Amino acid sequence: MVKVDIVRAIQLGTDLQFGEAEKLVNDMLEMIKEKLEKGEDVLITGLGKFELRDKKSRPGRDPKSKRDYEISARRVVTFHPSKVWRDELNSKN
């Protein structure tokens, strides 16, 4: 599924035009990005929690050349599904 699929699903599920649904999705994603950039977690009940984490630099190795190098420090976004959703997914197996 890509973003346009989400927009179309919202459009079909509501009485919004495609452009309005697209603006809604874009605004929601922009708001999530802004909150994460400010260091705030984003919790969507029933879905999960998005967090911004700082990773320290660490040693790495190129498997092809076997050369050691340092993987630089960086910020990453992590997602943890909610317990409710995890339980739903696991009960379907």
N, C-alpha and C. Protein backbone atom coordinates (compact mmCIF):
# COMPACT_ATOMS: atom_id res chain seq x y z
N MET A 1 0.85 -1.17 0.00
CA MET A 1 0.00 0.00 0.00
C MET A 1 0.90 1.23 0.00
N VAL A 2 0.54 2.18 -0.82
CA VAL A 2 1.27 3.44 -0.89
C VAL A 2 0.32 4.56 -0.49
N LYS A 3 0.86 5.77 -0.37
CA LYS A 3 0.07 6.89 0.13
C LYS A 3 -1.19 7.14 -0.70
N VAL A 4 -1.10 7.02 -2.01
CA VAL A 4 -2.27 7.27 -2.84
C VAL A 4 -3.37 6.25 -2.55
N ASP A 5 -3.01 5.03 -2.17
CA ASP A 5 -4.01 4.02 -1.79
C ASP A 5 -4.74 4.45 -0.52
N ILE A 6 -4.01 5.02 0.42
CA ILE A 6 -4.63 5.52 1.65
C ILE A 6 -5.58 6.66 1.33
N VAL A 7 -5.14 7.57 0.47
CA VAL A 7 -5.99 8.71 0.08
C VAL A 7 -7.27 8.20 -0.58
N ARG A 8 -7.14 7.25 -1.50
CA ARG A 8 -8.32 6.71 -2.18
C ARG A 8 -9.26 6.00 -1.20
N ALA A 9 -8.71 5.26 -0.24
CA ALA A 9 -9.54 4.58 0.75
C ALA A 9 -10.31 5.59 1.59
N ILE A 10 -9.66 6.67 1.98
CA ILE A 10 -10.34 7.73 2.74
C ILE A 10 -11.41 8.38 1.87
N GLN A 11 -11.08 8.64 0.61
CA GLN A 11 -12.04 9.25 -0.30
C GLN A 11 -13.28 8.37 -0.45
N LEU A 12 -13.09 7.07 -0.63
CA LEU A 12 -14.22 6.16 -0.81
C LEU A 12 -15.02 5.96 0.47
N GLY A 13 -14.36 6.06 1.62
CA GLY A 13 -15.03 5.86 2.90
C GLY A 13 -15.73 7.09 3.44
N THR A 14 -15.51 8.23 2.80
CA THR A 14 -16.12 9.49 3.25
C THR A 14 -16.73 10.19 2.03
N ASP A 15 -17.26 11.36 2.26
CA ASP A 15 -17.77 12.13 1.12
C ASP A 15 -16.78 13.23 0.70
N LEU A 16 -15.50 13.01 0.99
CA LEU A 16 -14.47 13.98 0.62
C LEU A 16 -14.05 13.78 -0.84
N GLN A 17 -13.64 14.86 -1.47
CA GLN A 17 -13.05 14.79 -2.80
C GLN A 17 -11.61 14.27 -2.65
N PHE A 18 -11.02 13.81 -3.77
CA PHE A 18 -9.66 13.28 -3.73
C PHE A 18 -8.69 14.30 -3.17
N GLY A 19 -8.77 15.54 -3.61
CA GLY A 19 -7.85 16.59 -3.16
C GLY A 19 -7.97 16.86 -1.67
N GLU A 20 -9.19 16.81 -1.15
CA GLU A 20 -9.42 17.02 0.29
C GLU A 20 -8.85 15.87 1.10
N ALA A 21 -9.06 14.64 0.61
CA ALA A 21 -8.53 13.46 1.30
C ALA A 21 -7.00 13.48 1.28
N GLU A 22 -6.42 13.89 0.13
CA GLU A 22 -4.97 13.98 0.02
C GLU A 22 -4.41 15.01 0.99
N LYS A 23 -5.06 16.16 1.11
CA LYS A 23 -4.63 17.19 2.05
C LYS A 23 -4.71 16.68 3.48
N LEU A 24 -5.76 15.95 3.80
CA LEU A 24 -5.92 15.37 5.14
C LEU A 24 -4.76 14.42 5.48
N VAL A 25 -4.45 13.53 4.55
CA VAL A 25 -3.35 12.57 4.76
C VAL A 25 -2.02 13.31 4.86
N ASN A 26 -1.77 14.26 3.96
CA ASN A 26 -0.51 15.01 4.00
C ASN A 26 -0.36 15.81 5.29
N ASP A 27 -1.44 16.44 5.73
CA ASP A 27 -1.40 17.21 6.98
C ASP A 27 -1.12 16.32 8.18
N MET A 28 -1.76 15.14 8.21
CA MET A 28 -1.55 14.22 9.32
C MET A 28 -0.09 13.74 9.36
N LEU A 29 0.44 13.37 8.20
CA LEU A 29 1.83 12.90 8.15
C LEU A 29 2.81 14.01 8.51
N GLU A 30 2.53 15.23 8.06
CA GLU A 30 3.39 16.37 8.38
C GLU A 30 3.37 16.64 9.89
N MET A 31 2.21 16.53 10.50
CA MET A 31 2.10 16.75 11.94
C MET A 31 2.90 15.69 12.71
N ILE A 32 2.82 14.44 12.28
CA ILE A 32 3.59 13.37 12.92
C ILE A 32 5.09 13.65 12.78
N LYS A 33 5.53 14.05 11.58
CA LYS A 33 6.96 14.35 11.37
C LYS A 33 7.41 15.51 12.24
N GLU A 34 6.60 16.56 12.33
CA GLU A 34 6.97 17.72 13.15
C GLU A 34 7.11 17.35 14.62
N LYS A 35 6.19 16.56 15.14
CA LYS A 35 6.25 16.15 16.55
C LYS A 35 7.49 15.31 16.80
N LEU A 36 7.80 14.39 15.90
CA LEU A 36 8.98 13.55 16.07
C LEU A 36 10.26 14.39 16.00
N GLU A 37 10.32 15.35 15.08
CA GLU A 37 11.49 16.21 14.97
C GLU A 37 11.71 17.04 16.24
N LYS A 38 10.63 17.37 16.94
CA LYS A 38 10.74 18.11 18.20
C LYS A 38 11.09 17.20 19.37
N GLY A 39 11.19 15.89 19.12
CA GLY A 39 11.54 14.95 20.17
C GLY A 39 10.35 14.38 20.92
N GLU A 40 9.15 14.65 20.44
CA GLU A 40 7.95 14.13 21.08
C GLU A 40 7.58 12.78 20.47
N ASP A 41 7.06 11.89 21.30
CA ASP A 41 6.55 10.61 20.81
C ASP A 41 5.15 10.83 20.24
N VAL A 42 4.76 9.99 19.30
CA VAL A 42 3.42 10.05 18.72
C VAL A 42 2.73 8.72 19.01
N LEU A 43 1.68 8.77 19.81
CA LEU A 43 0.93 7.57 20.20
C LEU A 43 -0.43 7.61 19.51
N ILE A 44 -0.71 6.58 18.73
CA ILE A 44 -2.01 6.44 18.08
C ILE A 44 -2.66 5.22 18.71
N THR A 45 -3.67 5.47 19.54
CA THR A 45 -4.32 4.40 20.28
C THR A 45 -4.86 3.35 19.32
N GLY A 46 -4.59 2.09 19.64
CA GLY A 46 -5.05 0.99 18.81
C GLY A 46 -4.09 0.64 17.69
N LEU A 47 -3.12 1.50 17.42
CA LEU A 47 -2.14 1.24 16.37
C LEU A 47 -0.75 1.07 16.96
N GLY A 48 -0.23 2.11 17.62
CA GLY A 48 1.09 2.00 18.19
C GLY A 48 1.72 3.34 18.47
N LYS A 49 3.03 3.30 18.74
CA LYS A 49 3.77 4.48 19.15
C LYS A 49 4.99 4.66 18.25
N PHE A 50 5.15 5.88 17.73
CA PHE A 50 6.32 6.27 16.97
C PHE A 50 7.25 7.04 17.90
N GLU A 51 8.54 6.69 17.88
CA GLU A 51 9.53 7.36 18.73
C GLU A 51 10.75 7.73 17.88
N LEU A 52 11.40 8.81 18.26
CA LEU A 52 12.66 9.19 17.64
C LEU A 52 13.76 8.79 18.62
N ARG A 53 14.72 7.99 18.14
CA ARG A 53 15.81 7.53 18.99
C ARG A 53 17.15 7.97 18.41
N ASP A 54 18.07 8.26 19.32
CA ASP A 54 19.44 8.57 18.91
C ASP A 54 20.25 7.29 19.01
N LYS A 55 20.93 6.94 17.92
CA LYS A 55 21.81 5.77 17.94
C LYS A 55 23.25 6.26 17.98
N LYS A 56 24.04 5.65 18.82
CA LYS A 56 25.46 6.01 18.93
C LYS A 56 26.23 5.43 17.75
N SER A 57 27.41 6.00 17.50
CA SER A 57 28.26 5.41 16.46
C SER A 57 28.75 4.06 16.97
N ARG A 58 29.03 3.18 16.01
CA ARG A 58 29.45 1.83 16.40
C ARG A 58 30.33 1.25 15.30
N PRO A 59 31.13 0.26 15.66
CA PRO A 59 31.98 -0.35 14.63
C PRO A 59 31.15 -1.22 13.69
N GLY A 60 31.57 -1.27 12.44
CA GLY A 60 30.91 -2.11 11.46
C GLY A 60 31.94 -2.78 10.58
N ARG A 61 31.47 -3.70 9.74
CA ARG A 61 32.39 -4.39 8.84
C ARG A 61 31.69 -4.60 7.51
N ASP A 62 32.41 -4.25 6.44
CA ASP A 62 31.91 -4.49 5.09
C ASP A 62 32.08 -5.99 4.81
N PRO A 63 30.99 -6.74 4.62
CA PRO A 63 31.11 -8.19 4.44
C PRO A 63 31.83 -8.59 3.15
N LYS A 64 31.80 -7.72 2.15
CA LYS A 64 32.45 -8.05 0.89
C LYS A 64 33.96 -7.89 0.97
N SER A 65 34.42 -6.72 1.48
CA SER A 65 35.85 -6.45 1.52
C SER A 65 36.48 -6.81 2.86
N LYS A 66 35.65 -7.12 3.85
CA LYS A 66 36.10 -7.46 5.21
C LYS A 66 36.78 -6.29 5.91
N ARG A 67 36.57 -5.06 5.39
CA ARG A 67 37.16 -3.88 6.01
C ARG A 67 36.30 -3.38 7.16
N ASP A 68 36.97 -2.99 8.24
CA ASP A 68 36.27 -2.40 9.37
C ASP A 68 36.05 -0.91 9.11
N TYR A 69 34.96 -0.39 9.59
CA TYR A 69 34.68 1.04 9.49
C TYR A 69 33.73 1.41 10.62
N GLU A 70 33.51 2.71 10.77
CA GLU A 70 32.62 3.17 11.84
C GLU A 70 31.29 3.61 11.24
N ILE A 71 30.22 3.07 11.80
CA ILE A 71 28.88 3.48 11.42
C ILE A 71 28.57 4.73 12.23
N SER A 72 28.23 5.82 11.54
CA SER A 72 28.07 7.10 12.21
C SER A 72 26.83 7.14 13.10
N ALA A 73 26.85 8.05 14.06
CA ALA A 73 25.69 8.27 14.92
C ALA A 73 24.57 8.84 14.09
N ARG A 74 23.34 8.51 14.44
CA ARG A 74 22.20 9.01 13.68
C ARG A 74 20.93 8.92 14.49
N ARG A 75 19.91 9.58 13.99
CA ARG A 75 18.59 9.53 14.62
C ARG A 75 17.71 8.63 13.77
N VAL A 76 16.93 7.77 14.42
CA VAL A 76 16.04 6.87 13.70
C VAL A 76 14.65 6.91 14.31
N VAL A 77 13.65 6.68 13.49
CA VAL A 77 12.28 6.58 13.97
C VAL A 77 11.97 5.10 14.17
N THR A 78 11.43 4.78 15.34
CA THR A 78 11.03 3.41 15.63
C THR A 78 9.53 3.36 15.84
N PHE A 79 8.94 2.21 15.58
CA PHE A 79 7.52 2.01 15.77
C PHE A 79 7.31 0.78 16.64
N HIS A 80 6.46 0.93 17.65
CA HIS A 80 6.11 -0.18 18.52
C HIS A 80 4.59 -0.35 18.45
N PRO A 81 4.12 -1.49 17.93
CA PRO A 81 2.67 -1.68 17.84
C PRO A 81 2.04 -1.76 19.23
N SER A 82 0.77 -1.33 19.30
CA SER A 82 0.07 -1.38 20.58
C SER A 82 -0.21 -2.83 20.97
N LYS A 83 -0.40 -3.05 22.25
CA LYS A 83 -0.69 -4.40 22.75
C LYS A 83 -1.99 -4.91 22.15
N VAL A 84 -2.97 -4.04 22.04
CA VAL A 84 -4.27 -4.44 21.47
C VAL A 84 -4.09 -4.96 20.05
N TRP A 85 -3.34 -4.24 19.24
CA TRP A 85 -3.13 -4.65 17.85
C TRP A 85 -2.29 -5.93 17.77
N ARG A 86 -1.24 -6.02 18.60
CA ARG A 86 -0.42 -7.24 18.63
C ARG A 86 -1.27 -8.44 18.98
N ASP A 87 -2.13 -8.30 19.99
CA ASP A 87 -3.00 -9.41 20.40
C ASP A 87 -3.95 -9.80 19.27
N GLU A 88 -4.49 -8.81 18.54
CA GLU A 88 -5.37 -9.09 17.40
C GLU A 88 -4.62 -9.87 16.33
N LEU A 89 -3.41 -9.41 15.99
CA LEU A 89 -2.63 -10.07 14.97
C LEU A 89 -2.28 -11.51 15.36
N ASN A 90 -1.92 -11.71 16.61
CA ASN A 90 -1.52 -13.03 17.07
C ASN A 90 -2.69 -13.98 17.22
N SER A 91 -3.89 -13.46 17.48
CA SER A 91 -5.05 -14.33 17.63
C SER A 91 -5.55 -14.86 16.29
N LYS A 92 -5.13 -14.23 15.20
CA LYS A 92 -5.57 -14.66 13.86
C LYS A 92 -4.74 -15.80 13.32
N ASN A 93 -3.68 -16.21 14.02
CA ASN A 93 -2.82 -17.32 13.54
C ASN A 93 -3.33 -18.64 13.98
